[in-house]
Amino acid sequence: MRLANKVAVITGAGSGMGKAMAQLFVREGARVVCADRSGKEKETAAELGDAAIASHADVAISDDVRRMINAAVQTFGRLDVLCNNAGFGGPVMPLSEHTEDNFDNVIAVNLKGVFLGMKYGIEAMLQSGGGSIVNTASAAALVGWKGHGVYAAAKGGVIQMTKCAALDYAERGIRVNAICPGTTWTGLVKASATHSVPPPDARVPPGTPMNRWGLPTELAAAALFLASDESSFITGVALPVDGGYVTG
């Protein structure tokens, strides 16, 4: 029970990595606020029973994020863990073909959403003596991905914001780290709509030394480690969880 008596907020909890995090965190003893803008957050919370509640939240909207954080404090009494996981890839295309709307939408969710989560989450954590923040960045923030210039810029910003916040709060009991997923079998992969796990004939994206897809449960396990007291002397880290992609 690595999160016994801990209270966590997880964004993007309606599916994929966020849902896997919520499931694992509850199994490890946490009470969880499942946040998402899709409506599926209610399904996730219902599956998890009394240890979870749902919060409908668009992470790019400050009022939604404040309400999400307040839900944790008002329902469970505190906030110990925040996983800023919500995000989306946006269109895949050469940089000059992106519209300003594309840019604004990708930055709003993937970067501004993490800023808002940390801003209001840190305020709550300071009131209860500290906590752990886990931001979801991407392997695309560590190496170049063709056609992903805007997404990679947003996720690169997440890593730098993670490092700076880690320094800001290192002496105040709040640790801030990031995970950097590689190619992971989530809703961003079209075939995942019909296959919950990669089928034997699923094409593995090139460049992954382990020669397979990552699974949401594997990303959740990394988030659990960084959220728990097992990583109590770790802050400011951007941890690749990518089958060796960034070193291959």
Protein backbone atom coordinates (compact mmCIF):
# COMPACT_ATOMS: atom_id res chain seq x y z
CA MET A 1 0.00 0.00 0.00
CA ARG A 2 2.48 2.57 -1.19
CA LEU A 3 -0.07 5.39 -1.19
CA ALA A 4 -1.93 4.54 1.99
CA ASN A 5 -3.82 7.57 3.36
CA LYS A 6 -2.73 9.70 0.40
CA VAL A 7 -5.11 11.85 -1.64
CA ALA A 8 -4.41 12.21 -5.36
CA VAL A 9 -5.79 14.17 -8.28
CA ILE A 10 -5.23 12.63 -11.72
CA THR A 11 -6.11 14.48 -14.90
CA GLY A 12 -6.96 12.64 -18.09
CA ALA A 13 -8.33 9.85 -15.88
CA GLY A 14 -11.13 8.91 -18.25
CA SER A 15 -8.93 6.65 -20.38
CA GLY A 16 -5.43 5.47 -21.21
CA MET A 17 -2.56 6.30 -18.89
CA GLY A 18 -4.69 8.45 -16.59
CA LYS A 19 -7.22 5.69 -16.02
CA ALA A 20 -4.41 3.19 -15.41
CA MET A 21 -2.91 5.58 -12.85
CA ALA A 22 -6.25 5.97 -11.06
CA GLN A 23 -6.75 2.19 -10.90
CA LEU A 24 -3.24 1.54 -9.61
CA PHE A 25 -3.27 4.38 -7.10
CA VAL A 26 -6.52 3.14 -5.55
CA ARG A 27 -5.11 -0.38 -5.31
CA GLU A 28 -2.13 1.14 -3.49
CA GLY A 29 -4.36 2.81 -0.90
CA ALA A 30 -5.00 6.30 -2.31
CA ARG A 31 -8.23 8.19 -2.55
CA VAL A 32 -8.43 9.69 -6.00
CA VAL A 33 -10.13 12.54 -7.81
CA CYS A 34 -10.56 11.35 -11.41
CA ALA A 35 -10.55 14.43 -13.63
CA ASP A 36 -11.28 14.60 -17.36
CA ARG A 37 -13.24 16.69 -19.82
CA SER A 38 -14.63 13.73 -21.77
CA GLY A 39 -17.29 12.56 -19.33
CA LYS A 40 -15.51 9.22 -18.96
CA GLU A 41 -14.12 10.36 -15.61
CA LYS A 42 -17.48 9.34 -14.12
CA GLU A 43 -17.08 5.79 -15.42
CA THR A 44 -13.58 5.52 -13.99
CA ALA A 45 -14.65 6.81 -10.59
CA ALA A 46 -17.68 4.52 -10.50
CA GLU A 47 -15.48 1.50 -11.23
CA LEU A 48 -13.20 2.43 -8.32
CA GLY A 49 -15.97 2.79 -5.75
CA ASP A 50 -15.86 4.85 -2.58
CA ALA A 51 -12.14 5.59 -2.93
CA ALA A 52 -12.72 7.82 -5.96
CA ILE A 53 -14.82 10.73 -7.13
CA ALA A 54 -15.17 12.32 -10.56
CA SER A 55 -14.43 15.92 -11.47
CA HIS A 56 -15.38 17.21 -14.90
CA ALA A 57 -12.47 19.49 -15.79
CA ASP A 58 -10.86 21.06 -18.82
CA VAL A 59 -7.29 21.60 -17.62
CA ALA A 60 -6.92 24.66 -19.85
CA ILE A 61 -9.62 26.51 -17.87
CA SER A 62 -8.52 27.90 -14.52
CA ASP A 63 -11.96 27.72 -12.89
CA ASP A 64 -12.19 24.01 -13.76
CA VAL A 65 -8.74 23.33 -12.32
CA ARG A 66 -9.49 25.21 -9.10
CA ARG A 67 -12.72 23.24 -8.74
CA MET A 68 -10.84 19.98 -9.37
CA ILE A 69 -8.28 20.73 -6.65
CA ASN A 70 -10.97 21.94 -4.25
CA ALA A 71 -12.85 18.66 -4.78
CA ALA A 72 -9.90 16.78 -3.33
CA VAL A 73 -9.58 19.06 -0.31
CA GLN A 74 -13.31 19.31 0.40
CA THR A 75 -14.03 15.60 -0.06
CA PHE A 76 -10.89 13.96 1.30
CA GLY A 77 -9.39 16.73 3.43
CA ARG A 78 -6.07 17.35 1.68
CA LEU A 79 -3.98 16.92 -1.48
CA ASP A 80 -0.84 14.80 -1.44
CA VAL A 81 -0.33 13.78 -5.07
CA LEU A 82 -1.08 15.52 -8.35
CA CYS A 83 -0.63 13.81 -11.71
CA ASN A 84 -0.89 16.36 -14.52
CA ASN A 85 -1.49 13.74 -17.17
CA ALA A 86 -4.13 15.17 -19.51
CA GLY A 87 -2.91 15.90 -23.01
CA PHE A 88 -3.33 15.27 -26.71
CA GLY A 89 -1.06 15.14 -29.72
CA GLY A 90 -2.76 17.49 -32.16
CA PRO A 91 -2.28 17.32 -35.93
CA VAL A 92 0.84 15.66 -37.28
CA MET A 93 2.27 17.90 -40.00
CA PRO A 94 5.28 20.08 -40.90
CA LEU A 95 5.56 23.09 -38.65
CA SER A 96 4.60 25.77 -41.20
CA GLU A 97 1.34 23.95 -41.97
CA HIS A 98 0.01 24.32 -38.44
CA THR A 99 -2.62 26.97 -37.90
CA GLU A 100 -2.54 29.35 -34.98
CA ASP A 101 -5.61 27.57 -33.62
CA ASN A 102 -3.74 24.26 -33.69
CA PHE A 103 -0.85 25.84 -31.82
CA ASP A 104 -3.07 27.51 -29.23
CA ASN A 105 -5.08 24.34 -28.54
CA VAL A 106 -2.04 22.08 -28.15
CA ILE A 107 -0.24 24.56 -25.90
CA ALA A 108 -3.37 25.25 -23.84
CA VAL A 109 -3.92 21.63 -22.83
CA ASN A 110 -0.38 20.24 -22.78
CA LEU A 111 1.49 23.18 -21.26
CA LYS A 112 -0.93 25.69 -19.77
CA GLY A 113 -2.89 22.80 -18.26
CA VAL A 114 0.20 21.62 -16.39
CA PHE A 115 0.91 25.18 -15.23
CA LEU A 116 -2.62 25.58 -13.86
CA GLY A 117 -2.53 22.18 -12.19
CA MET A 118 0.73 22.99 -10.46
CA LYS A 119 -0.32 26.52 -9.55
CA TYR A 120 -3.45 25.47 -7.68
CA GLY A 121 -2.16 22.06 -6.62
CA ILE A 122 0.90 23.54 -4.97
CA GLU A 123 -1.27 25.99 -3.03
CA ALA A 124 -3.23 23.06 -1.60
CA MET A 125 -0.12 21.00 -0.86
CA LEU A 126 1.52 23.83 1.04
CA GLN A 127 -1.48 23.93 3.36
CA SER A 128 -1.02 20.26 4.28
CA GLY A 129 2.76 20.11 4.51
CA GLY A 130 3.89 19.04 1.05
CA GLY A 131 3.31 16.46 -1.63
CA SER A 132 4.43 14.98 -4.91
CA ILE A 133 3.65 16.20 -8.43
CA VAL A 134 4.07 13.97 -11.47
CA ASN A 135 3.77 15.67 -14.85
CA THR A 136 3.36 13.71 -18.07
CA ALA A 137 5.81 15.00 -20.67
CA SER A 138 6.91 12.88 -23.64
CA ALA A 139 9.89 11.29 -25.35
CA ALA A 140 9.11 13.91 -28.00
CA ALA A 141 10.40 16.49 -25.52
CA LEU A 142 13.80 14.79 -25.45
CA VAL A 143 14.34 14.01 -29.15
CA GLY A 144 12.88 15.36 -32.37
CA TRP A 145 9.73 13.76 -33.81
CA LYS A 146 8.93 14.61 -37.41
CA GLY A 147 5.59 16.37 -37.70
CA HIS A 148 5.27 16.95 -33.95
CA GLY A 149 6.89 20.37 -33.59
CA VAL A 150 4.12 22.05 -31.62
CA TYR A 151 3.43 19.04 -29.39
CA ALA A 152 7.15 18.56 -28.73
CA ALA A 153 7.52 22.23 -27.84
CA ALA A 154 4.67 21.96 -25.33
CA LYS A 155 6.10 18.83 -23.74
CA GLY A 156 9.59 20.35 -23.69
CA GLY A 157 8.06 23.22 -21.78
CA VAL A 158 6.57 20.74 -19.32
CA ILE A 159 10.03 19.36 -18.56
CA GLN A 160 11.56 22.80 -18.00
CA MET A 161 8.62 23.90 -15.85
CA THR A 162 8.99 20.68 -13.87
CA LYS A 163 12.67 21.34 -13.19
CA CYS A 164 12.10 24.96 -12.19
CA ALA A 165 9.17 24.13 -9.90
CA ALA A 166 11.26 21.38 -8.32
CA LEU A 167 13.84 23.99 -7.36
CA ASP A 168 11.20 26.47 -6.21
CA TYR A 169 9.69 24.02 -3.70
CA ALA A 170 12.57 21.66 -2.84
CA GLU A 171 12.80 23.07 0.68
CA ARG A 172 9.06 23.25 1.21
CA GLY A 173 8.22 19.57 1.03
CA ILE A 174 6.96 19.39 -2.55
CA ARG A 175 8.70 17.19 -5.10
CA VAL A 176 8.08 17.74 -8.80
CA ASN A 177 9.01 15.16 -11.42
CA ALA A 178 7.97 14.15 -14.93
CA ILE A 179 7.56 10.95 -16.88
CA CYS A 180 8.34 10.88 -20.59
CA PRO A 181 6.31 8.18 -22.35
CA GLY A 182 7.47 6.72 -25.62
CA THR A 183 5.10 5.00 -28.02
CA THR A 184 2.32 3.79 -25.73
CA TRP A 185 -0.82 1.81 -26.58
CA THR A 186 -3.48 4.37 -25.65
CA GLY A 187 -6.44 6.06 -27.30
CA LEU A 188 -4.02 8.08 -29.43
CA VAL A 189 -3.40 4.83 -31.34
CA LYS A 190 -6.38 4.15 -33.62
CA ALA A 191 -6.11 0.37 -33.31
CA SER A 192 -6.56 0.61 -29.53
CA ALA A 193 -10.25 1.28 -30.15
CA THR A 194 -10.70 -2.39 -31.03
CA HIS A 195 -7.77 -3.95 -29.16
CA SER A 196 -7.19 -3.14 -25.49
CA VAL A 197 -3.64 -4.49 -25.79
CA PRO A 198 -1.42 -4.63 -28.88
CA PRO A 199 -2.34 -7.68 -31.00
CA PRO A 200 0.47 -10.01 -32.08
CA ASP A 201 0.53 -8.51 -35.56
CA ALA A 202 0.58 -4.86 -34.38
CA ARG A 203 3.30 -2.92 -36.15
CA VAL A 204 5.87 -1.71 -33.65
CA PRO A 205 6.98 1.90 -34.26
CA PRO A 206 10.59 2.01 -35.42
CA GLY A 207 13.38 3.06 -33.09
CA THR A 208 12.27 1.35 -29.86
CA PRO A 209 15.06 -1.01 -28.72
CA MET A 210 12.64 -3.22 -26.76
CA ASN A 211 10.73 -3.69 -30.04
CA ARG A 212 7.24 -3.44 -28.54
CA TRP A 213 4.60 -0.96 -27.51
CA GLY A 214 4.52 0.47 -24.01
CA LEU A 215 1.39 -0.18 -21.96
CA PRO A 216 -0.58 2.34 -19.88
CA THR A 217 0.01 0.17 -16.81
CA GLU A 218 3.76 0.55 -17.25
CA LEU A 219 3.48 4.33 -17.31
CA ALA A 220 1.20 4.17 -14.27
CA ALA A 221 3.84 2.15 -12.40
CA ALA A 222 6.45 4.84 -13.09
CA ALA A 223 4.04 7.53 -11.90
CA LEU A 224 3.35 5.50 -8.76
CA PHE A 225 7.05 5.33 -7.93
CA LEU A 226 7.48 9.09 -8.30
CA ALA A 227 4.26 9.78 -6.37
CA SER A 228 5.18 7.53 -3.47
CA ASP A 229 7.62 7.98 -0.62
CA GLU A 230 9.90 5.44 -2.30
CA SER A 231 11.20 8.36 -4.38
CA SER A 232 11.49 10.73 -1.42
CA PHE A 233 14.96 11.99 -2.44
CA ILE A 234 14.10 12.49 -6.12
CA THR A 235 12.94 15.79 -7.58
CA GLY A 236 13.35 17.61 -10.88
CA VAL A 237 13.69 14.39 -12.89
CA ALA A 238 12.34 13.75 -16.40
CA LEU A 239 12.12 9.95 -16.48
CA PRO A 240 11.91 8.29 -19.91
CA VAL A 241 9.50 5.34 -19.92
CA ASP A 242 10.01 4.43 -23.54
CA GLY A 243 11.61 1.03 -24.05
CA GLY A 244 14.97 2.67 -24.60
CA TYR A 245 13.80 4.96 -27.40
CA VAL A 246 15.75 8.08 -26.40
CA THR A 247 18.96 6.11 -25.93
CA GLY A 248 18.60 3.75 -28.90
